């Protein structure tokens, strides 16, 4: 039996002898292109197998075939499984190399530094005015068309309900054009000096919706004064020199909306390189220009304290949770056989790199599943997707070793539902998370709203 096994091994070695260079096929001149979503091991292997099946120049018997012979040899590895890993690494390396092609861009094409300071504080004309940055003509027609509106068109300065000022409209056009022409092809600089975030995380929280007919928030064409954004969180409490002010329920806070971004300390990480692009997208484009969300939570006279509309997470009051954005990169690629190294190279196509904004891809928090567990089993069945959730993205970054324990601690001090992924779509559970966090932080205080005197200041057109 042992003799037969040895004989089979000798026979297999003899019948899988390859041509010079370790290949069954002559790969000289082999190359192919891949688009922005195509640099994947399955696509590369498919191209190799197709070319291998068309090999007219193989003159010897080569029973190892593409899987056992040419595919490993093309990547200088032992087997196809290792080739798959190598391909993914080569695609990632090519993408990171392409990411270096981008230069830098400032914010001053849209707003000067003084206006940006006011904007991020929740002040200035962009925050204080009411009216649209853009009009969707089909939305007018759905709301009654000519029977409801005198003006129906693309220019919001002509709207008969809450016409927009020229100043707001012109800035909105700059923001739209910047998004289309610059935000995806240049890395943006920090907008102000207020974003040196100790925990690698920033967040915006809004309490007012200034734009109607955009299918977001509570502002409508007949009543857009003091209307709220879409609700996705709960304000837990604020702190001032006068004490702590809890906000149980939603009678005072009404509907609030929070959305954040987080990044690593890795200077080669695309999401880190583009963190200020992400801040632009979250604050000026996606929420203000597209949805009309403006003003800090504490701009509401009924809510005590003062915080920026957008700032480092350590500068924000505790909330239940927040949505989240990240930036990924995409590029085109060329794969080619390198006769010098006798391997298949995967390289970026020059000037093809572009940034892409997307909802964060994170994980639901799993108790006792730590960085060591993740390193040993990154595809564990215990990990479930928790997308568009700032806590879920921070947890993923921590598992990947991109942020440290102290940074996570700073985040969960503000996102009190960090360890409770189930609160994402449940308002009652969000309220419960706020109360539990308050009682743990202030065990001698009651989680009850304090009565304060306010002067109502309605915002009109």
Protein backbone atom coordinates (compact mmCIF):
# COMPACT_ATOMS: atom_id res chain seq x y z
CA UNK A 1 0.00 0.00 0.00
CA UNK A 2 2.80 2.42 0.86
CA UNK A 3 4.61 1.49 -2.38
CA UNK A 4 1.46 2.25 -4.46
CA UNK A 5 1.05 5.66 -2.79
CA UNK A 6 4.67 6.54 -3.52
CA UNK A 7 4.26 5.41 -7.11
CA UNK A 8 1.18 7.59 -7.55
CA UNK A 9 3.06 10.58 -6.18
CA UNK A 10 5.91 10.01 -8.65
CA UNK A 11 3.40 9.57 -11.50
CA UNK A 12 1.57 12.82 -10.56
CA UNK A 13 4.83 14.76 -10.41
CA UNK A 14 5.83 13.44 -13.80
CA UNK A 15 2.53 14.25 -15.48
CA UNK A 16 2.32 17.80 -14.14
CA UNK A 17 5.67 18.91 -15.46
CA UNK A 18 5.28 22.45 -16.82
CA UNK A 19 6.90 24.49 -19.52
CA UNK A 20 9.84 26.74 -18.71
CA UNK A 21 8.98 29.28 -16.00
CA UNK A 22 6.60 26.95 -14.17
CA UNK A 23 3.62 27.47 -16.51
CA UNK A 24 1.51 25.25 -18.71
CA UNK A 25 0.73 28.26 -20.89
CA UNK A 26 2.93 31.02 -22.26
CA UNK A 27 1.47 34.15 -20.60
CA UNK A 28 3.58 36.66 -22.53
CA UNK A 29 1.37 39.64 -23.50
CA UNK A 30 -1.54 38.59 -21.27
CA UNK A 31 -3.43 41.60 -19.85
CA UNK A 32 -6.96 42.80 -19.16
CA UNK A 33 -8.74 45.83 -17.70
CA UNK A 34 -11.05 46.02 -14.68
CA UNK A 35 -13.55 48.72 -13.78
CA UNK A 36 -14.04 50.34 -10.33
CA UNK A 37 -16.00 47.41 -8.89
CA UNK A 38 -14.25 44.57 -10.70
CA UNK A 39 -10.92 44.08 -8.92
CA UNK A 40 -11.96 40.91 -7.13
CA UNK A 41 -10.37 37.49 -6.97
CA UNK A 42 -13.30 35.83 -8.74
CA UNK A 43 -13.00 38.18 -11.72
CA UNK A 44 -9.23 37.79 -11.97
CA UNK A 45 -9.44 33.99 -11.75
CA UNK A 46 -12.22 33.95 -14.35
CA UNK A 47 -10.02 35.89 -16.78
CA UNK A 48 -7.07 33.57 -16.13
CA UNK A 49 -9.15 30.42 -16.59
CA UNK A 50 -10.65 31.74 -19.82
CA UNK A 51 -7.21 32.55 -21.22
CA UNK A 52 -5.87 29.19 -20.03
CA UNK A 53 -8.63 27.39 -21.94
CA UNK A 54 -7.51 29.15 -25.11
CA UNK A 55 -3.83 28.08 -24.80
CA UNK A 56 -2.76 26.94 -28.31
CA UNK A 57 0.93 27.14 -27.49
CA UNK A 58 1.12 24.43 -24.83
CA UNK A 59 3.17 21.66 -26.34
CA UNK A 60 3.60 19.29 -23.40
CA UNK A 61 1.20 17.38 -21.19
CA UNK A 62 0.32 19.54 -18.22
CA UNK A 63 -2.23 17.79 -16.07
CA UNK A 64 -1.89 20.18 -13.17
CA UNK A 65 -4.06 22.59 -15.14
CA UNK A 66 -4.81 26.20 -14.24
CA UNK A 67 -5.92 25.54 -10.66
CA UNK A 68 -2.94 23.50 -9.48
CA UNK A 69 -0.32 24.95 -11.74
CA UNK A 70 -0.62 28.27 -13.53
CA UNK A 71 -2.80 30.18 -11.06
CA UNK A 72 -0.40 29.61 -8.11
CA UNK A 73 2.60 30.21 -10.36
CA UNK A 74 1.21 33.53 -11.65
CA UNK A 75 1.19 34.84 -8.09
CA UNK A 76 4.27 32.96 -6.83
CA UNK A 77 2.30 31.10 -4.14
CA UNK A 78 1.73 27.46 -3.25
CA UNK A 79 -1.94 26.97 -4.19
CA UNK A 80 -5.13 28.62 -5.45
CA UNK A 81 -6.34 29.56 -1.96
CA UNK A 82 -3.16 31.58 -1.39
CA UNK A 83 -3.58 33.09 -4.87
CA UNK A 84 -7.03 34.34 -3.92
CA UNK A 85 -5.60 36.07 -0.85
CA UNK A 86 -2.79 37.54 -2.93
CA UNK A 87 -5.23 38.94 -5.51
CA UNK A 88 -7.26 40.69 -2.82
CA UNK A 89 -4.06 42.19 -1.40
CA UNK A 90 -2.91 43.33 -4.84
CA UNK A 91 -6.28 44.99 -5.50
CA UNK A 92 -6.14 46.78 -2.15
CA UNK A 93 -2.55 47.91 -2.71
CA UNK A 94 -3.43 49.24 -6.16
CA UNK A 95 -6.39 51.15 -4.74
CA UNK A 96 -4.26 52.72 -2.00
CA UNK A 97 -1.66 53.67 -4.60
CA UNK A 98 -4.40 55.30 -6.69
CA UNK A 99 -5.61 57.19 -3.61
CA UNK A 100 -2.31 59.08 -3.55
CA UNK A 101 -3.21 60.74 -6.86
CA UNK A 102 -5.60 63.23 -5.23
CA UNK A 103 -4.53 66.71 -4.22
CA UNK A 104 -6.10 68.94 -1.55
CA UNK A 105 -9.04 71.31 -1.67
CA UNK A 106 -10.26 73.98 0.77
CA UNK A 107 -13.79 75.00 1.71
CA UNK A 108 -13.46 78.62 0.61
CA UNK A 109 -15.16 78.01 -2.74
CA UNK A 110 -18.37 77.74 -0.72
CA UNK A 111 -17.85 79.64 2.54
CA UNK A 112 -15.12 81.71 4.13
CA UNK A 113 -13.65 80.73 7.50
CA UNK A 114 -15.83 83.17 9.48
CA UNK A 115 -19.01 81.86 7.83
CA UNK A 116 -17.89 78.28 8.44
CA UNK A 117 -17.34 79.02 12.13
CA UNK A 118 -20.88 80.39 12.37
CA UNK A 119 -22.31 77.53 10.35
CA UNK A 120 -20.84 74.75 12.49
CA UNK A 121 -22.01 76.55 15.62
CA UNK A 122 -25.54 76.49 14.20
CA UNK A 123 -25.59 80.22 13.48
CA UNK A 124 -25.45 82.43 10.37
CA UNK A 125 -27.89 82.88 7.51
CA UNK A 126 -27.76 79.24 6.38
CA UNK A 127 -29.07 78.14 9.76
CA UNK A 128 -31.37 81.03 10.62
CA UNK A 129 -33.31 81.41 7.38
CA UNK A 130 -36.29 79.34 6.25
CA UNK A 131 -36.73 78.24 2.64
CA UNK A 132 -35.53 75.77 0.06
CA UNK A 133 -32.08 75.32 -1.41
CA UNK A 134 -33.56 73.34 -4.33
CA UNK A 135 -36.97 72.62 -5.84
CA UNK A 136 -38.31 69.33 -7.12
CA UNK A 137 -41.00 70.25 -9.65
CA UNK A 138 -42.67 66.85 -9.40
CA UNK A 139 -43.13 67.43 -5.66
CA UNK A 140 -45.11 70.61 -6.38
CA UNK A 141 -47.39 68.69 -8.70
CA UNK A 142 -47.98 65.99 -6.10
CA UNK A 143 -49.14 68.68 -3.66
CA UNK A 144 -51.79 70.12 -5.97
CA UNK A 145 -49.84 71.79 -8.76
CA UNK A 146 -51.35 75.00 -10.15
CA UNK A 147 -54.30 74.81 -7.76
CA UNK A 148 -51.94 75.10 -4.75
CA UNK A 149 -48.94 77.10 -6.00
CA UNK A 150 -48.58 80.34 -7.94
CA UNK A 151 -44.98 79.52 -8.89
CA UNK A 152 -43.77 76.06 -9.90
CA UNK A 153 -40.16 75.91 -11.02
CA UNK A 154 -36.56 75.19 -10.13
CA UNK A 155 -35.74 78.61 -8.62
CA UNK A 156 -36.61 78.61 -4.88
CA UNK A 157 -36.17 82.39 -4.64
CA UNK A 158 -39.48 82.66 -6.55
CA UNK A 159 -41.48 80.31 -4.32
CA UNK A 160 -44.73 81.81 -3.06
CA UNK A 161 -44.41 79.84 0.19
CA UNK A 162 -41.20 80.74 2.11
CA UNK A 163 -39.13 82.13 -0.79
CA UNK A 164 -35.39 81.66 -0.33
CA UNK A 165 -33.01 84.61 -0.15
CA UNK A 166 -30.51 85.07 -2.96
CA UNK A 167 -27.71 84.60 -0.41
CA UNK A 168 -28.93 81.16 0.70
CA UNK A 169 -29.74 80.08 -2.84
CA UNK A 170 -26.34 81.10 -4.22
CA UNK A 171 -24.49 79.30 -1.43
CA UNK A 172 -26.65 76.23 -2.02
CA UNK A 173 -25.63 76.27 -5.69
CA UNK A 174 -21.96 76.48 -4.68
CA UNK A 175 -22.42 73.51 -2.35
CA UNK A 176 -24.12 71.46 -5.07
CA UNK A 177 -21.41 72.30 -7.60
CA UNK A 178 -18.64 71.57 -5.10
CA UNK A 179 -20.15 68.16 -4.38
CA UNK A 180 -20.31 67.32 -8.08
CA UNK A 181 -16.99 68.82 -9.19
CA UNK A 182 -14.55 68.67 -6.25
CA UNK A 183 -15.66 66.64 -3.21
CA UNK A 184 -14.92 63.27 -4.85
CA UNK A 185 -11.66 64.13 -6.59
CA UNK A 186 -9.75 66.14 -3.95
CA UNK A 187 -9.05 65.59 -0.26
CA UNK A 188 -10.57 68.42 1.74
CA UNK A 189 -8.68 70.24 4.46
CA UNK A 190 -10.03 70.75 7.99
CA UNK A 191 -12.68 73.48 7.77
CA UNK A 192 -11.78 75.24 11.06
CA UNK A 193 -9.54 74.72 14.10
CA UNK A 194 -12.42 73.19 16.08
CA UNK A 195 -12.11 69.64 14.76
CA UNK A 196 -9.01 68.30 16.49
CA UNK A 197 -11.04 65.43 17.86
CA UNK A 198 -9.45 63.38 20.63
CA UNK A 199 -11.64 60.36 19.90
CA UNK A 200 -11.37 60.42 16.07
CA UNK A 201 -15.12 61.00 15.89
CA UNK A 202 -17.29 63.99 15.03
CA UNK A 203 -21.06 64.43 15.03
CA UNK A 204 -23.75 66.85 13.91
CA UNK A 205 -27.11 67.14 15.70
CA UNK A 206 -29.98 69.23 14.31
CA UNK A 207 -33.26 70.45 15.75
CA UNK A 208 -34.84 72.32 12.80
CA UNK A 209 -35.90 71.63 9.19
CA UNK A 210 -35.88 74.69 6.91
CA UNK A 211 -36.77 73.05 3.55
CA UNK A 212 -40.06 71.62 2.32
CA UNK A 213 -41.12 69.16 -0.40
CA UNK A 214 -37.93 67.10 -0.13
CA UNK A 215 -39.45 64.06 1.66
CA UNK A 216 -37.33 64.72 4.75
CA UNK A 217 -38.31 66.19 8.10
CA UNK A 218 -41.50 67.95 9.16
CA UNK A 219 -41.28 71.26 7.28
CA UNK A 220 -44.07 71.66 4.73
CA UNK A 221 -45.06 74.37 2.27
CA UNK A 222 -47.81 75.80 4.47
CA UNK A 223 -46.03 75.48 7.82
CA UNK A 224 -42.23 75.53 7.93
CA UNK A 225 -41.73 77.61 11.08
CA UNK A 226 -39.95 75.80 13.91
CA UNK A 227 -40.41 72.41 12.29
CA UNK A 228 -38.23 69.44 13.19
CA UNK A 229 -36.00 67.08 11.19
CA UNK A 230 -36.62 63.35 10.89
CA UNK A 231 -36.26 61.69 14.29
CA UNK A 232 -33.43 59.18 14.75
CA UNK A 233 -32.21 59.73 18.32
CA UNK A 234 -33.00 61.05 21.81
CA UNK A 235 -31.27 63.82 23.74
CA UNK A 236 -30.46 62.45 27.18
CA UNK A 237 -29.32 65.51 29.14
CA UNK A 238 -27.29 68.70 28.98
CA UNK A 239 -24.95 70.21 31.54
CA UNK A 240 -24.34 73.88 32.33
CA UNK A 241 -22.84 75.88 35.20
CA UNK A 242 -26.36 75.81 36.67
CA UNK A 243 -26.50 72.03 36.83
CA UNK A 244 -27.71 69.01 34.90
CA UNK A 245 -30.87 69.13 32.80
CA UNK A 246 -32.47 65.79 31.85
CA UNK A 247 -34.83 65.47 28.89
CA UNK A 248 -37.01 62.39 29.32
CA UNK A 249 -39.67 61.83 26.68
CA UNK A 250 -39.99 64.03 23.61
CA UNK A 251 -42.35 66.78 24.76
CA UNK A 252 -39.52 69.33 24.88
CA UNK A 253 -36.90 67.95 22.53
CA UNK A 254 -39.43 66.96 19.83
CA UNK A 255 -37.78 65.22 16.86
CA UNK A 256 -33.97 65.41 16.68
CA UNK A 257 -31.51 64.06 14.16
CA UNK A 258 -27.83 63.15 14.74
CA UNK A 259 -25.31 61.92 12.16
CA UNK A 260 -21.59 61.31 12.64
CA UNK A 261 -18.32 60.16 11.16
CA UNK A 262 -15.31 58.36 12.60
CA UNK A 263 -11.81 57.67 11.34
CA UNK A 264 -8.63 55.81 12.23
CA UNK A 265 -5.10 56.97 12.93
CA UNK A 266 -3.83 55.26 9.77
CA UNK A 267 -2.63 57.91 7.32
CA UNK A 268 -3.03 55.45 4.42
CA UNK A 269 -6.67 54.72 5.23
CA UNK A 270 -8.94 56.29 2.59
CA UNK A 271 -11.74 57.04 5.06
CA UNK A 272 -9.18 58.84 7.24
CA UNK A 273 -7.67 60.77 4.34
CA UNK A 274 -11.18 61.88 3.33
CA UNK A 275 -12.62 62.57 6.78
CA UNK A 276 -13.22 66.25 6.04
CA UNK A 277 -14.88 65.30 2.74
CA UNK A 278 -17.19 63.19 4.87
CA UNK A 279 -17.85 66.14 7.18
CA UNK A 280 -18.71 68.30 4.16
CA UNK A 281 -21.04 65.61 2.84
CA UNK A 282 -22.79 65.11 6.19
CA UNK A 283 -23.12 68.76 7.21
CA UNK A 284 -23.45 70.96 4.13
CA UNK A 285 -24.57 68.64 1.35
CA UNK A 286 -26.57 65.63 2.52
CA UNK A 287 -28.33 67.21 5.48
CA UNK A 288 -28.51 70.94 4.83
CA UNK A 289 -28.67 71.22 1.03
CA UNK A 290 -30.66 68.04 0.35
CA UNK A 291 -32.83 67.87 3.50
CA UNK A 292 -32.75 71.37 5.00
CA UNK A 293 -31.59 70.25 8.46
CA UNK A 294 -30.10 73.19 10.38
CA UNK A 295 -29.39 74.66 13.83
CA UNK A 296 -27.88 73.12 16.93
CA UNK A 297 -30.05 71.24 19.39
CA UNK A 298 -29.30 73.90 21.99
CA UNK A 299 -30.51 76.66 19.66
CA UNK A 300 -33.92 75.57 20.90
CA UNK A 301 -34.74 77.96 23.74
CA UNK A 302 -36.38 75.15 25.69
CA UNK A 303 -33.13 73.16 25.87
CA UNK A 304 -30.49 74.38 28.30
CA UNK A 305 -26.81 74.65 27.55
CA UNK A 306 -24.78 75.40 24.47
CA UNK A 307 -23.12 73.06 21.98
CA UNK A 308 -22.12 73.32 18.33
CA UNK A 309 -24.34 71.99 15.58
CA UNK A 310 -21.34 69.97 14.35
CA UNK A 311 -18.27 69.26 16.44
CA UNK A 312 -15.99 66.67 17.98
CA UNK A 313 -18.03 64.10 19.81
CA UNK A 314 -16.50 65.12 23.14
CA UNK A 315 -18.10 68.56 22.66
CA UNK A 316 -21.62 67.16 22.27
CA UNK A 317 -24.30 66.34 24.84
CA UNK A 318 -25.17 62.68 25.46
CA UNK A 319 -27.64 61.19 22.97
CA UNK A 320 -28.97 57.68 22.45
CA UNK A 321 -27.39 57.12 19.03
CA UNK A 322 -26.49 58.61 15.64
CA UNK A 323 -26.47 57.66 11.97
CA UNK A 324 -23.10 57.50 10.24
CA UNK A 325 -21.25 58.04 6.95
CA UNK A 326 -17.89 56.82 5.68
CA UNK A 327 -15.85 57.34 2.53
CA UNK A 328 -14.51 54.56 0.32
CA UNK A 329 -12.42 54.79 -2.83
CA UNK A 330 -12.86 53.38 -6.29
CA UNK A 331 -10.52 53.20 -9.26
CA UNK A 332 -9.95 51.35 -12.52
CA UNK A 333 -7.25 48.68 -12.80
CA UNK A 334 -5.06 46.90 -15.31
CA UNK A 335 -3.81 43.34 -14.78
CA UNK A 336 -0.80 42.30 -16.86
CA UNK A 337 1.81 39.55 -16.99
CA UNK A 338 5.25 40.90 -16.07
CA UNK A 339 7.90 38.94 -18.00
CA UNK A 340 10.63 40.20 -15.69
CA UNK A 341 9.10 38.81 -12.47
CA UNK A 342 7.10 36.06 -14.22
CA UNK A 343 4.02 37.07 -12.17
CA UNK A 344 0.70 38.80 -12.77
CA UNK A 345 0.71 42.46 -11.71
CA UNK A 346 -2.39 44.45 -10.79
CA UNK A 347 -1.94 48.20 -11.14
CA UNK A 348 -4.10 51.31 -10.90
CA UNK A 349 -5.11 53.24 -13.98
CA UNK A 350 -3.78 56.76 -13.62
CA UNK A 351 -6.30 59.50 -12.81
CA UNK A 352 -9.15 57.02 -12.33
CA UNK A 353 -9.46 57.29 -8.54
CA UNK A 354 -12.62 58.78 -7.04
CA UNK A 355 -14.10 59.01 -3.55
CA UNK A 356 -17.52 57.60 -2.81
CA UNK A 357 -19.77 58.52 0.14
CA UNK A 358 -21.81 55.78 1.75
CA UNK A 359 -23.56 54.77 4.94
CA UNK A 360 -21.08 53.30 7.44
CA UNK A 361 -20.69 49.54 7.40
CA UNK A 362 -20.37 48.43 11.01
CA UNK A 363 -21.16 45.58 13.37
CA UNK A 364 -23.68 45.11 16.14
CA UNK A 365 -21.87 45.11 19.45
CA UNK A 366 -21.17 41.61 20.76
CA UNK A 367 -20.34 41.30 24.45
CA UNK A 368 -16.96 39.66 25.11
CA UNK A 369 -16.04 39.58 21.40
CA UNK A 370 -12.80 41.55 21.34
CA UNK A 371 -9.87 42.38 19.08
CA UNK A 372 -8.20 39.02 19.65
CA UNK A 373 -11.38 37.17 18.72
CA UNK A 374 -11.68 39.28 15.58
CA UNK A 375 -8.06 38.70 14.58
CA UNK A 376 -8.57 34.94 14.95
CA UNK A 377 -11.94 34.89 13.18
CA UNK A 378 -12.87 38.08 11.28
CA UNK A 379 -15.76 36.24 9.59
CA UNK A 380 -17.31 35.00 12.84
CA UNK A 381 -21.01 34.18 12.72
CA UNK A 382 -21.36 36.25 15.89
CA UNK A 383 -20.80 39.45 13.93
CA UNK A 384 -23.95 40.92 12.41
CA UNK A 385 -24.10 43.99 10.20
CA UNK A 386 -25.12 47.28 11.81
CA UNK A 387 -24.93 49.79 8.98
CA UNK A 388 -25.64 53.54 9.11
CA UNK A 389 -24.91 53.50 12.83
CA UNK A 390 -22.07 55.48 14.37
CA UNK A 391 -21.64 53.14 17.34
CA UNK A 392 -21.55 50.10 15.05
CA UNK A 393 -18.86 51.69 12.91
CA UNK A 394 -16.74 52.70 15.91
CA UNK A 395 -17.04 49.13 17.21
CA UNK A 396 -15.85 47.78 13.84
CA UNK A 397 -12.90 50.19 13.82
CA UNK A 398 -11.97 49.09 17.33
CA UNK A 399 -12.13 45.41 16.35
CA UNK A 400 -9.85 46.15 13.41
CA UNK A 401 -7.38 47.91 15.73
CA UNK A 402 -7.89 51.31 14.08
CA UNK A 403 -8.87 53.12 17.30
CA UNK A 404 -7.97 52.40 20.91
CA UNK A 405 -9.90 51.71 24.12
CA UNK A 406 -9.71 55.31 25.35
CA UNK A 407 -11.23 56.59 22.11
CA UNK A 408 -14.09 54.10 22.38
CA UNK A 409 -14.66 55.18 25.99
CA UNK A 410 -14.96 58.78 24.83
CA UNK A 411 -17.50 57.81 22.18
CA UNK A 412 -19.70 55.72 24.46
CA UNK A 413 -19.79 58.57 27.00
CA UNK A 414 -21.81 60.48 24.38
CA UNK A 415 -23.50 57.66 22.45
CA UNK A 416 -25.06 56.11 25.53
CA UNK A 417 -26.56 53.27 23.46
CA UNK A 418 -23.14 52.15 22.21
CA UNK A 419 -23.52 48.72 23.82
CA UNK A 420 -27.23 48.45 22.87
CA UNK A 421 -27.49 48.02 19.08
CA UNK A 422 -31.16 47.08 19.42
CA UNK A 423 -32.11 50.73 20.09
CA UNK A 424 -31.40 51.83 16.50
CA UNK A 425 -35.01 51.75 15.32
CA UNK A 426 -36.89 51.74 18.63
CA UNK A 427 -37.73 55.08 20.24
CA UNK A 428 -38.83 53.49 23.53
CA UNK A 429 -35.54 51.61 23.86
CA UNK A 430 -33.62 54.79 23.05
CA UNK A 431 -35.42 56.61 25.85
CA UNK A 432 -34.69 53.72 28.21
CA UNK A 433 -30.99 53.83 27.29
CA UNK A 434 -30.89 57.55 28.12
CA UNK A 435 -32.52 57.01 31.49
CA UNK A 436 -30.21 54.14 32.43
CA UNK A 437 -27.12 56.17 31.46
CA UNK A 438 -28.34 59.19 33.42
CA UNK A 439 -29.07 57.18 36.56
CA UNK A 440 -25.66 55.52 36.36
CA UNK A 441 -23.90 58.87 35.88
CA UNK A 442 -25.97 60.82 38.41
CA UNK A 443 -27.25 58.26 40.95
CA UNK A 444 -28.46 61.01 43.32
CA UNK A 445 -30.56 62.86 40.74
CA UNK A 446 -34.03 62.09 39.39
CA UNK A 447 -34.43 61.64 35.65
CA UNK A 448 -37.04 64.37 35.48
CA UNK A 449 -37.18 67.46 33.31
CA UNK A 450 -36.60 70.76 35.09
CA UNK A 451 -38.98 73.60 34.40
CA UNK A 452 -37.34 76.65 32.84
CA UNK A 453 -38.76 79.95 31.64
CA UNK A 454 -38.38 80.68 27.95
CA UNK A 455 -39.52 83.36 25.55
CA UNK A 456 -40.96 81.75 22.44
CA UNK A 457 -39.30 83.09 19.34
CA UNK A 458 -41.02 81.72 16.26
CA UNK A 459 -39.00 81.64 13.06
CA UNK A 460 -40.97 83.06 10.15
CA UNK A 461 -40.19 83.31 6.49
